[in-house]
Amino acid sequence: MDQLCPAPGCRVDRVVRVGPQTIRVVAHGCRDHARCPECGRVSHAVHGRYDRHPADLPVFGREATLGLRVRRFYCRTADCPRRTFTERLPGLLAPRARRTRR
């Protein structure tokens, strides 16, 4: 695992207390590439970014949410049916999941 990515494929930017019983962890994917889930080719071409907000287990008795900035990549393989795809963080979050894997 990359030393700049201590969490499963992402880097924590900050931890914020958003209420008396809620903590938000803000993070982003830290690899410079992603592998297309359809054809398996590596892409470095970023299409865009968006935020996900999955729930997590409580931390020290407080509700925890994750503000995760993920990237969409272009698949440059001509015969691949998928034109864009989202970077995967399999150790942390399944595709389209609303909760982390913890």
PDB file of N, CA and C in Angstrom:
ATOM      1  N   MET A   1       0.834  -1.181   0.000  1.00  0.00           N
ATOM      2  CA  MET A   1       0.000   0.000   0.000  1.00  0.00           C
ATOM      3  C   MET A   1       0.879   1.244   0.000  1.00  0.00           C
ATOM      4  N   ASP A   2       0.474   2.243  -0.713  1.00  0.00           N
ATOM      5  CA  ASP A   2       1.179   3.501  -0.813  1.00  0.00           C
ATOM      6  C   ASP A   2       1.201   4.200   0.545  1.00  0.00           C
ATOM      7  N   GLN A   3       2.357   4.738   0.960  1.00  0.00           N
ATOM      8  CA  GLN A   3       2.441   5.391   2.261  1.00  0.00           C
ATOM      9  C   GLN A   3       1.624   6.670   2.320  1.00  0.00           C
ATOM     10  N   LEU A   4       1.332   7.282   1.182  1.00  0.00           N
ATOM     11  CA  LEU A   4       0.510   8.476   1.171  1.00  0.00           C
ATOM     12  C   LEU A   4      -0.971   8.144   1.306  1.00  0.00           C
ATOM     13  N   CYS A   5      -1.318   6.882   1.260  1.00  0.00           N
ATOM     14  CA  CYS A   5      -2.708   6.429   1.366  1.00  0.00           C
ATOM     15  C   CYS A   5      -2.857   5.527   2.586  1.00  0.00           C
ATOM     16  N   PRO A   6      -2.891   6.077   3.799  1.00  0.00           N
ATOM     17  CA  PRO A   6      -2.959   5.222   4.976  1.00  0.00           C
ATOM     18  C   PRO A   6      -4.285   4.482   5.112  1.00  0.00           C
ATOM     19  N   ALA A   7      -5.382   5.076   4.673  1.00  0.00           N
ATOM     20  CA  ALA A   7      -6.687   4.413   4.704  1.00  0.00           C
ATOM     21  C   ALA A   7      -6.790   3.533   3.465  1.00  0.00           C
ATOM     22  N   PRO A   8      -7.836   2.701   3.347  1.00  0.00           N
ATOM     23  CA  PRO A   8      -7.955   1.805   2.195  1.00  0.00           C
ATOM     24  C   PRO A   8      -8.164   2.545   0.878  1.00  0.00           C
ATOM     25  N   GLY A   9      -7.088   3.043   0.271  1.00  0.00           N
ATOM     26  CA  GLY A   9      -7.169   3.713  -1.023  1.00  0.00           C
ATOM     27  C   GLY A   9      -7.542   5.170  -0.972  1.00  0.00           C
ATOM     28  N   CYS A  10      -7.618   5.745   0.219  1.00  0.00           N
ATOM     29  CA  CYS A  10      -7.978   7.166   0.296  1.00  0.00           C
ATOM     30  C   CYS A  10      -7.153   7.866   1.367  1.00  0.00           C
ATOM     31  N   ARG A  11      -7.158   9.177   1.292  1.00  0.00           N
ATOM     32  CA  ARG A  11      -6.433  10.020   2.235  1.00  0.00           C
ATOM     33  C   ARG A  11      -7.443  10.856   3.014  1.00  0.00           C
ATOM     34  N   VAL A  12      -7.315  10.878   4.328  1.00  0.00           N
ATOM     35  CA  VAL A  12      -8.198  11.681   5.177  1.00  0.00           C
ATOM     36  C   VAL A  12      -7.722  13.121   5.138  1.00  0.00           C
ATOM     37  N   ASP A  13      -8.627  14.036   4.779  1.00  0.00           N
ATOM     38  CA  ASP A  13      -8.297  15.457   4.731  1.00  0.00           C
ATOM     39  C   ASP A  13      -8.509  16.125   6.081  1.00  0.00           C
ATOM     40  N   ARG A  14      -9.636  15.798   6.721  1.00  0.00           N
ATOM     41  CA  ARG A  14      -9.920  16.396   8.027  1.00  0.00           C
ATOM     42  C   ARG A  14     -11.046  15.624   8.714  1.00  0.00           C
ATOM     43  N   VAL A  15     -11.144  15.814  10.011  1.00  0.00           N
ATOM     44  CA  VAL A  15     -12.225  15.263  10.816  1.00  0.00           C
ATOM     45  C   VAL A  15     -12.923  16.446  11.461  1.00  0.00           C
ATOM     46  N   VAL A  16     -14.249  16.521  11.280  1.00  0.00           N
ATOM     47  CA  VAL A  16     -15.015  17.681  11.720  1.00  0.00           C
ATOM     48  C   VAL A  16     -16.134  17.222  12.654  1.00  0.00           C
ATOM     49  N   ARG A  17     -16.316  17.925  13.742  1.00  0.00           N
ATOM     50  CA  ARG A  17     -17.462  17.682  14.613  1.00  0.00           C
ATOM     51  C   ARG A  17     -18.596  18.564  14.119  1.00  0.00           C
ATOM     52  N   VAL A  18     -19.675  17.943  13.630  1.00  0.00           N
ATOM     53  CA  VAL A  18     -20.772  18.708  13.022  1.00  0.00           C
ATOM     54  C   VAL A  18     -21.980  18.837  13.943  1.00  0.00           C
ATOM     55  N   GLY A  19     -21.886  18.305  15.114  1.00  0.00           N
ATOM     56  CA  GLY A  19     -22.966  18.400  16.090  1.00  0.00           C
ATOM     57  C   GLY A  19     -22.516  17.739  17.373  1.00  0.00           C
ATOM     58  N   PRO A  20     -23.355  17.782  18.389  1.00  0.00           N
ATOM     59  CA  PRO A  20     -22.943  17.199  19.664  1.00  0.00           C
ATOM     60  C   PRO A  20     -22.717  15.690  19.600  1.00  0.00           C
ATOM     61  N   GLN A  21     -23.355  15.001  18.653  1.00  0.00           N
ATOM     62  CA  GLN A  21     -23.220  13.553  18.566  1.00  0.00           C
ATOM     63  C   GLN A  21     -22.788  13.070  17.178  1.00  0.00           C
ATOM     64  N   THR A  22     -22.261  13.955  16.322  1.00  0.00           N
ATOM     65  CA  THR A  22     -21.919  13.563  14.954  1.00  0.00           C
ATOM     66  C   THR A  22     -20.512  14.020  14.583  1.00  0.00           C
ATOM     67  N   ILE A  23     -19.765  13.096  13.970  1.00  0.00           N
ATOM     68  CA  ILE A  23     -18.425  13.375  13.446  1.00  0.00           C
ATOM     69  C   ILE A  23     -18.436  13.082  11.955  1.00  0.00           C
ATOM     70  N   ARG A  24     -17.848  13.981  11.157  1.00  0.00           N
ATOM     71  CA  ARG A  24     -17.715  13.760   9.714  1.00  0.00           C
ATOM     72  C   ARG A  24     -16.238  13.654   9.377  1.00  0.00           C
ATOM     73  N   VAL A  25     -15.889  12.572   8.665  1.00  0.00           N
ATOM     74  CA  VAL A  25     -14.532  12.374   8.172  1.00  0.00           C
ATOM     75  C   VAL A  25     -14.547  12.726   6.692  1.00  0.00           C
ATOM     76  N   VAL A  26     -13.720  13.684   6.305  1.00  0.00           N
ATOM     77  CA  VAL A  26     -13.655  14.137   4.915  1.00  0.00           C
ATOM     78  C   VAL A  26     -12.382  13.541   4.301  1.00  0.00           C
ATOM     79  N   ALA A  27     -12.546  12.836   3.164  1.00  0.00           N
ATOM     80  CA  ALA A  27     -11.422  12.130   2.541  1.00  0.00           C
ATOM     81  C   ALA A  27     -11.562  12.149   1.024  1.00  0.00           C
ATOM     82  N   HIS A  28     -10.505  11.745   0.338  1.00  0.00           N
ATOM     83  CA  HIS A  28     -10.534  11.622  -1.120  1.00  0.00           C
ATOM     84  C   HIS A  28      -9.641  10.471  -1.565  1.00  0.00           C
ATOM     85  N   GLY A  29      -9.940   9.918  -2.732  1.00  0.00           N
ATOM     86  CA  GLY A  29      -9.107   8.870  -3.321  1.00  0.00           C
ATOM     87  C   GLY A  29      -7.741   9.441  -3.635  1.00  0.00           C
ATOM     88  N   CYS A  30      -6.687   8.654  -3.418  1.00  0.00           N
ATOM     89  CA  CYS A  30      -5.349   9.239  -3.571  1.00  0.00           C
ATOM     90  C   CYS A  30      -4.493   8.567  -4.636  1.00  0.00           C
ATOM     91  N   ARG A  31      -5.014   7.600  -5.344  1.00  0.00           N
ATOM     92  CA  ARG A  31      -4.229   7.011  -6.432  1.00  0.00           C
ATOM     93  C   ARG A  31      -4.380   7.882  -7.678  1.00  0.00           C
ATOM     94  N   ASP A  32      -3.367   7.891  -8.525  1.00  0.00           N
ATOM     95  CA  ASP A  32      -3.415   8.728  -9.725  1.00  0.00           C
ATOM     96  C   ASP A  32      -4.037   7.998 -10.913  1.00  0.00           C
ATOM     97  N   HIS A  33      -4.569   6.794 -10.688  1.00  0.00           N
ATOM     98  CA  HIS A  33      -5.147   6.011 -11.772  1.00  0.00           C
ATOM     99  C   HIS A  33      -6.251   5.117 -11.211  1.00  0.00           C
ATOM    100  N   ALA A  34      -6.994   4.510 -12.105  1.00  0.00           N
ATOM    101  CA  ALA A  34      -8.009   3.530 -11.725  1.00  0.00           C
ATOM    102  C   ALA A  34      -8.119   2.504 -12.851  1.00  0.00           C
ATOM    103  N   ARG A  35      -8.589   1.325 -12.509  1.00  0.00           N
ATOM    104  CA  ARG A  35      -8.725   0.243 -13.485  1.00  0.00           C
ATOM    105  C   ARG A  35     -10.186   0.131 -13.899  1.00  0.00           C
ATOM    106  N   CYS A  36     -10.440   0.076 -15.203  1.00  0.00           N
ATOM    107  CA  CYS A  36     -11.795  -0.051 -15.722  1.00  0.00           C
ATOM    108  C   CYS A  36     -12.379  -1.389 -15.261  1.00  0.00           C
ATOM    109  N   PRO A  37     -13.560  -1.376 -14.627  1.00  0.00           N
ATOM    110  CA  PRO A  37     -14.145  -2.640 -14.166  1.00  0.00           C
ATOM    111  C   PRO A  37     -14.633  -3.531 -15.307  1.00  0.00           C
ATOM    112  N   GLU A  38     -14.788  -2.981 -16.489  1.00  0.00           N
ATOM    113  CA  GLU A  38     -15.277  -3.752 -17.645  1.00  0.00           C
ATOM    114  C   GLU A  38     -14.133  -4.466 -18.373  1.00  0.00           C
ATOM    115  N   CYS A  39     -13.118  -3.698 -18.798  1.00  0.00           N
ATOM    116  CA  CYS A  39     -12.037  -4.289 -19.598  1.00  0.00           C
ATOM    117  C   CYS A  39     -10.743  -4.498 -18.817  1.00  0.00           C
ATOM    118  N   GLY A  40     -10.611  -3.880 -17.650  1.00  0.00           N
ATOM    119  CA  GLY A  40      -9.435  -4.077 -16.815  1.00  0.00           C
ATOM    120  C   GLY A  40      -8.252  -3.190 -17.128  1.00  0.00           C
ATOM    121  N   ARG A  41      -8.372  -2.302 -18.110  1.00  0.00           N
ATOM    122  CA  ARG A  41      -7.260  -1.410 -18.457  1.00  0.00           C
ATOM    123  C   ARG A  41      -7.139  -0.266 -17.453  1.00  0.00           C
ATOM    124  N   VAL A  42      -5.901   0.172 -17.222  1.00  0.00           N
ATOM    125  CA  VAL A  42      -5.633   1.288 -16.315  1.00  0.00           C
ATOM    126  C   VAL A  42      -5.856   2.596 -17.045  1.00  0.00           C
ATOM    127  N   SER A  43      -6.484   3.558 -16.361  1.00  0.00           N
ATOM    128  CA  SER A  43      -6.701   4.883 -16.934  1.00  0.00           C
ATOM    129  C   SER A  43      -6.177   5.947 -15.983  1.00  0.00           C
ATOM    130  N   HIS A  44      -5.557   6.980 -16.552  1.00  0.00           N
ATOM    131  CA  HIS A  44      -5.108   8.149 -15.794  1.00  0.00           C
ATOM    132  C   HIS A  44      -5.949   9.375 -16.142  1.00  0.00           C
ATOM    133  N   ALA A  45      -6.879   9.221 -17.090  1.00  0.00           N
ATOM    134  CA  ALA A  45      -7.666  10.349 -17.605  1.00  0.00           C
ATOM    135  C   ALA A  45      -8.901  10.583 -16.732  1.00  0.00           C
ATOM    136  N   VAL A  46      -8.870  11.666 -15.954  1.00  0.00           N
ATOM    137  CA  VAL A  46      -9.971  11.987 -15.047  1.00  0.00           C
ATOM    138  C   VAL A  46     -11.081  12.707 -15.805  1.00  0.00           C
ATOM    139  N   HIS A  47     -12.294  12.211 -15.675  1.00  0.00           N
ATOM    140  CA  HIS A  47     -13.483  12.800 -16.306  1.00  0.00           C
ATOM    141  C   HIS A  47     -14.104  13.866 -15.412  1.00  0.00           C
ATOM    142  N   GLY A  48     -14.132  13.622 -14.113  1.00  0.00           N
ATOM    143  CA  GLY A  48     -14.722  14.562 -13.164  1.00  0.00           C
ATOM    144  C   GLY A  48     -14.681  13.991 -11.759  1.00  0.00           C
ATOM    145  N   ARG A  49     -15.303  14.700 -10.828  1.00  0.00           N
ATOM    146  CA  ARG A  49     -15.337  14.284  -9.435  1.00  0.00           C
ATOM    147  C   ARG A  49     -16.739  14.480  -8.886  1.00  0.00           C
ATOM    148  N   TYR A  50     -17.070  13.712  -7.862  1.00  0.00           N
ATOM    149  CA  TYR A  50     -18.322  13.932  -7.149  1.00  0.00           C
ATOM    150  C   TYR A  50     -18.173  13.434  -5.721  1.00  0.00           C
ATOM    151  N   ASP A  51     -19.103  13.821  -4.862  1.00  0.00           N
ATOM    152  CA  ASP A  51     -19.037  13.480  -3.445  1.00  0.00           C
ATOM    153  C   ASP A  51     -20.001  12.356  -3.106  1.00  0.00           C
ATOM    154  N   ARG A  52     -19.550  11.469  -2.241  1.00  0.00           N
ATOM    155  CA  ARG A  52     -20.399  10.415  -1.683  1.00  0.00           C
ATOM    156  C   ARG A  52     -20.442  10.629  -0.175  1.00  0.00           C
ATOM    157  N   HIS A  53     -21.553  10.227   0.439  1.00  0.00           N
ATOM    158  CA  HIS A  53     -21.722  10.434   1.876  1.00  0.00           C
ATOM    159  C   HIS A  53     -22.226   9.168   2.562  1.00  0.00           C
ATOM    160  N   PRO A  54     -21.426   8.101   2.555  1.00  0.00           N
ATOM    161  CA  PRO A  54     -21.874   6.865   3.195  1.00  0.00           C
ATOM    162  C   PRO A  54     -21.812   6.969   4.722  1.00  0.00           C
ATOM    163  N   ALA A  55     -22.655   6.201   5.382  1.00  0.00           N
ATOM    164  CA  ALA A  55     -22.640   6.130   6.841  1.00  0.00           C
ATOM    165  C   ALA A  55     -21.537   5.168   7.281  1.00  0.00           C
ATOM    166  N   ASP A  56     -21.082   5.340   8.504  1.00  0.00           N
ATOM    167  CA  ASP A  56     -20.058   4.480   9.069  1.00  0.00           C
ATOM    168  C   ASP A  56     -20.498   4.071  10.470  1.00  0.00           C
ATOM    169  N   LEU A  57     -19.756   3.169  11.081  1.00  0.00           N
ATOM    170  CA  LEU A  57     -20.045   2.782  12.459  1.00  0.00           C
ATOM    171  C   LEU A  57     -19.762   3.946  13.395  1.00  0.00           C
ATOM    172  N   PRO A  58     -20.388   3.971  14.560  1.00  0.00           N
ATOM    173  CA  PRO A  58     -20.119   5.039  15.525  1.00  0.00           C
ATOM    174  C   PRO A  58     -18.645   5.075  15.933  1.00  0.00           C
ATOM    175  N   VAL A  59     -18.170   6.274  16.255  1.00  0.00           N
ATOM    176  CA  VAL A  59     -16.807   6.490  16.719  1.00  0.00           C
ATOM    177  C   VAL A  59     -16.899   7.101  18.107  1.00  0.00           C
ATOM    178  N   PHE A  60     -16.381   6.430  19.095  1.00  0.00           N
ATOM    179  CA  PHE A  60     -16.445   6.889  20.489  1.00  0.00           C
ATOM    180  C   PHE A  60     -17.869   7.259  20.892  1.00  0.00           C
ATOM    181  N   GLY A  61     -18.832   6.450  20.451  1.00  0.00           N
ATOM    182  CA  GLY A  61     -20.226   6.670  20.809  1.00  0.00           C
ATOM    183  C   GLY A  61     -20.926   7.761  20.023  1.00  0.00           C
ATOM    184  N   ARG A  62     -20.285   8.294  19.002  1.00  0.00           N
ATOM    185  CA  ARG A  62     -20.886   9.355  18.175  1.00  0.00           C
ATOM    186  C   ARG A  62     -21.152   8.847  16.766  1.00  0.00           C
ATOM    187  N   GLU A  63     -22.217   9.352  16.156  1.00  0.00           N
ATOM    188  CA  GLU A  63     -22.527   9.010  14.772  1.00  0.00           C
ATOM    189  C   GLU A  63     -21.379   9.474  13.882  1.00  0.00           C
ATOM    190  N   ALA A  64     -20.995   8.652  12.915  1.00  0.00           N
ATOM    191  CA  ALA A  64     -19.913   9.001  12.000  1.00  0.00           C
ATOM    192  C   ALA A  64     -20.410   8.929  10.564  1.00  0.00           C
ATOM    193  N   THR A  65     -20.117   9.970   9.798  1.00  0.00           N
ATOM    194  CA  THR A  65     -20.408   9.965   8.371  1.00  0.00           C
ATOM    195  C   THR A  65     -19.115  10.268   7.632  1.00  0.00           C
ATOM    196  N   LEU A  66     -19.103   9.900   6.381  1.00  0.00           N
ATOM    197  CA  LEU A  66     -17.915  10.062   5.560  1.00  0.00           C
ATOM    198  C   LEU A  66     -18.249  10.980   4.398  1.00  0.00           C
ATOM    199  N   GLY A  67     -17.470  12.008   4.205  1.00  0.00           N
ATOM    200  CA  GLY A  67     -17.570  12.860   3.025  1.00  0.00           C
ATOM    201  C   GLY A  67     -16.437  12.456   2.108  1.00  0.00           C
ATOM    202  N   LEU A  68     -16.739  11.690   1.098  1.00  0.00           N
ATOM    203  CA  LEU A  68     -15.712  11.092   0.252  1.00  0.00           C
ATOM    204  C   LEU A  68     -15.786  11.654  -1.160  1.00  0.00           C
ATOM    205  N   ARG A  69     -14.716  12.287  -1.615  1.00  0.00           N
ATOM    206  CA  ARG A  69     -14.624  12.813  -2.977  1.00  0.00           C
ATOM    207  C   ARG A  69     -14.019  11.729  -3.855  1.00  0.00           C
ATOM    208  N   VAL A  70     -14.800  11.233  -4.812  1.00  0.00           N
ATOM    209  CA  VAL A  70     -14.322  10.190  -5.726  1.00  0.00           C
ATOM    210  C   VAL A  70     -14.257  10.750  -7.144  1.00  0.00           C
ATOM    211  N   ARG A  71     -13.434  10.125  -7.970  1.00  0.00           N
ATOM    212  CA  ARG A  71     -13.254  10.590  -9.344  1.00  0.00           C
ATOM    213  C   ARG A  71     -13.874   9.619 -10.338  1.00  0.00           C
ATOM    214  N   ARG A  72     -14.320  10.164 -11.450  1.00  0.00           N
ATOM    215  CA  ARG A  72     -14.727   9.370 -12.605  1.00  0.00           C
ATOM    216  C   ARG A  72     -13.580   9.435 -13.600  1.00  0.00           C
ATOM    217  N   PHE A  73     -13.301   8.322 -14.230  1.00  0.00           N
ATOM    218  CA  PHE A  73     -12.234   8.227 -15.214  1.00  0.00           C
ATOM    219  C   PHE A  73     -12.804   7.858 -16.571  1.00  0.00           C
ATOM    220  N   TYR A  74     -12.106   8.246 -17.631  1.00  0.00           N
ATOM    221  CA  TYR A  74     -12.428   7.805 -18.983  1.00  0.00           C
ATOM    222  C   TYR A  74     -11.784   6.447 -19.219  1.00  0.00           C
ATOM    223  N   CYS A  75     -12.472   5.555 -19.911  1.00  0.00           N
ATOM    224  CA  CYS A  75     -11.847   4.335 -20.416  1.00  0.00           C
ATOM    225  C   CYS A  75     -11.486   4.619 -21.866  1.00  0.00           C
ATOM    226  N   ARG A  76     -10.211   4.551 -22.176  1.00  0.00           N
ATOM    227  CA  ARG A  76      -9.723   4.879 -23.520  1.00  0.00           C
ATOM    228  C   ARG A  76      -9.642   3.669 -24.446  1.00  0.00           C
ATOM    229  N   THR A  77     -10.078   2.491 -23.975  1.00  0.00           N
ATOM    230  CA  THR A  77     -10.055   1.298 -24.809  1.00  0.00           C
ATOM    231  C   THR A  77     -11.183   1.385 -25.833  1.00  0.00           C
ATOM    232  N   ALA A  78     -10.844   1.321 -27.111  1.00  0.00           N
ATOM    233  CA  ALA A  78     -11.817   1.541 -28.189  1.00  0.00           C
ATOM    234  C   ALA A  78     -12.973   0.544 -28.168  1.00  0.00           C
ATOM    235  N   ASP A  79     -12.712  -0.720 -27.890  1.00  0.00           N
ATOM    236  CA  ASP A  79     -13.782  -1.713 -27.941  1.00  0.00           C
ATOM    237  C   ASP A  79     -14.459  -1.966 -26.585  1.00  0.00           C
ATOM    238  N   CYS A  80     -14.153  -1.171 -25.570  1.00  0.00           N
ATOM    239  CA  CYS A  80     -14.792  -1.317 -24.258  1.00  0.00           C
ATOM    240  C   CYS A  80     -16.149  -0.603 -24.284  1.00  0.00           C
ATOM    241  N   PRO A  81     -17.227  -1.253 -23.839  1.00  0.00           N
ATOM    242  CA  PRO A  81     -18.542  -0.616 -23.855  1.00  0.00           C
ATOM    243  C   PRO A  81     -18.699   0.481 -22.808  1.00  0.00           C
ATOM    244  N   ARG A  82     -17.803   0.523 -21.828  1.00  0.00           N
ATOM    245  CA  ARG A  82     -17.896   1.518 -20.768  1.00  0.00           C
ATOM    246  C   ARG A  82     -17.024   2.719 -21.131  1.00  0.00           C
ATOM    247  N   ARG A  83     -17.603   3.884 -21.216  1.00  0.00           N
ATOM    248  CA  ARG A  83     -16.848   5.093 -21.562  1.00  0.00           C
ATOM    249  C   ARG A  83     -16.254   5.767 -20.322  1.00  0.00           C
ATOM    250  N   THR A  84     -17.003   5.783 -19.217  1.00  0.00           N
ATOM    251  CA  THR A  84     -16.503   6.342 -17.965  1.00  0.00           C
ATOM    252  C   THR A  84     -16.801   5.370 -16.837  1.00  0.00           C
ATOM    253  N   PHE A  85     -16.035   5.487 -15.767  1.00  0.00           N
ATOM    254  CA  PHE A  85     -16.241   4.648 -14.588  1.00  0.00           C
ATOM    255  C   PHE A  85     -15.708   5.381 -13.364  1.00  0.00           C
ATOM    256  N   THR A  86     -16.194   4.986 -12.207  1.00  0.00           N
ATOM    257  CA  THR A  86     -15.790   5.594 -10.942  1.00  0.00           C
ATOM    258  C   THR A  86     -14.670   4.786 -10.318  1.00  0.00           C
ATOM    259  N   GLU A  87     -13.716   5.488  -9.693  1.00  0.00           N
ATOM    260  CA  GLU A  87     -12.647   4.772  -9.000  1.00  0.00           C
ATOM    261  C   GLU A  87     -13.240   3.913  -7.887  1.00  0.00           C
ATOM    262  N   ARG A  88     -12.653   2.758  -7.671  1.00  0.00           N
ATOM    263  CA  ARG A  88     -13.126   1.816  -6.660  1.00  0.00           C
ATOM    264  C   ARG A  88     -12.274   1.936  -5.400  1.00  0.00           C
ATOM    265  N   LEU A  89     -12.915   1.801  -4.268  1.00  0.00           N
ATOM    266  CA  LEU A  89     -12.238   1.753  -2.977  1.00  0.00           C
ATOM    267  C   LEU A  89     -12.716   0.489  -2.259  1.00  0.00           C
ATOM    268  N   PRO A  90     -12.301  -0.689  -2.739  1.00  0.00           N
ATOM    269  CA  PRO A  90     -12.888  -1.940  -2.263  1.00  0.00           C
ATOM    270  C   PRO A  90     -12.672  -2.229  -0.785  1.00  0.00           C
ATOM    271  N   GLY A  91     -11.597  -1.738  -0.197  1.00  0.00           N
ATOM    272  CA  GLY A  91     -11.371  -1.965   1.224  1.00  0.00           C
ATOM    273  C   GLY A  91     -12.262  -1.122   2.106  1.00  0.00           C
ATOM    274  N   LEU A  92     -12.913  -0.138   1.532  1.00  0.00           N
ATOM    275  CA  LEU A  92     -13.719   0.801   2.306  1.00  0.00           C
ATOM    276  C   LEU A  92     -15.187   0.773   1.934  1.00  0.00           C
ATOM    277  N   LEU A  93     -15.489   0.734   0.631  1.00  0.00           N
ATOM    278  CA  LEU A  93     -16.845   0.982   0.180  1.00  0.00           C
ATOM    279  C   LEU A  93     -17.136   0.203  -1.095  1.00  0.00           C
ATOM    280  N   ALA A  94     -18.263  -0.487  -1.114  1.00  0.00           N
ATOM    281  CA  ALA A  94     -18.687  -1.201  -2.320  1.00  0.00           C
ATOM    282  C   ALA A  94     -19.309  -0.205  -3.300  1.00  0.00           C
ATOM    283  N   PRO A  95     -19.315  -0.509  -4.594  1.00  0.00           N
ATOM    284  CA  PRO A  95     -19.975   0.387  -5.553  1.00  0.00           C
ATOM    285  C   PRO A  95     -21.436   0.620  -5.174  1.00  0.00           C
ATOM    286  N   ARG A  96     -21.870   1.861  -5.195  1.00  0.00           N
ATOM    287  CA  ARG A  96     -23.241   2.290  -4.896  1.00  0.00           C
ATOM    288  C   ARG A  96     -23.686   1.996  -3.457  1.00  0.00           C
ATOM    289  N   ALA A  97     -22.758   1.657  -2.561  1.00  0.00           N
ATOM    290  CA  ALA A  97     -23.120   1.354  -1.170  1.00  0.00           C
ATOM    291  C   ALA A  97     -23.449   2.633  -0.404  1.00  0.00           C
ATOM    292  N   ARG A  98     -24.346   2.516   0.543  1.00  0.00           N
ATOM    293  CA  ARG A  98     -24.703   3.644   1.412  1.00  0.00           C
ATOM    294  C   ARG A  98     -24.034   3.570   2.776  1.00  0.00           C
ATOM    295  N   ARG A  99     -23.336   2.454   3.006  1.00  0.00           N
ATOM    296  CA  ARG A  99     -22.597   2.250   4.255  1.00  0.00           C
ATOM    297  C   ARG A  99     -21.214   1.697   3.937  1.00  0.00           C
ATOM    298  N   THR A 100     -20.249   2.028   4.797  1.00  0.00           N
ATOM    299  CA  THR A 100     -18.903   1.483   4.611  1.00  0.00           C
ATOM    300  C   THR A 100     -18.907   0.002   4.934  1.00  0.00           C
ATOM    301  N   ARG A 101     -17.802  -0.674   4.630  1.00  0.00           N
ATOM    302  CA  ARG A 101     -17.697  -2.111   4.863  1.00  0.00           C
ATOM    303  C   ARG A 101     -17.388  -2.451   6.323  1.00  0.00           C
ATOM    304  N   ARG A 102     -17.140  -1.472   7.170  1.00  0.00           N
ATOM    305  CA  ARG A 102     -16.813  -1.764   8.579  1.00  0.00           C
ATOM    306  C   ARG A 102     -17.991  -2.350   9.294  1.00  0.00           C
TER     307      ARG A 102
END
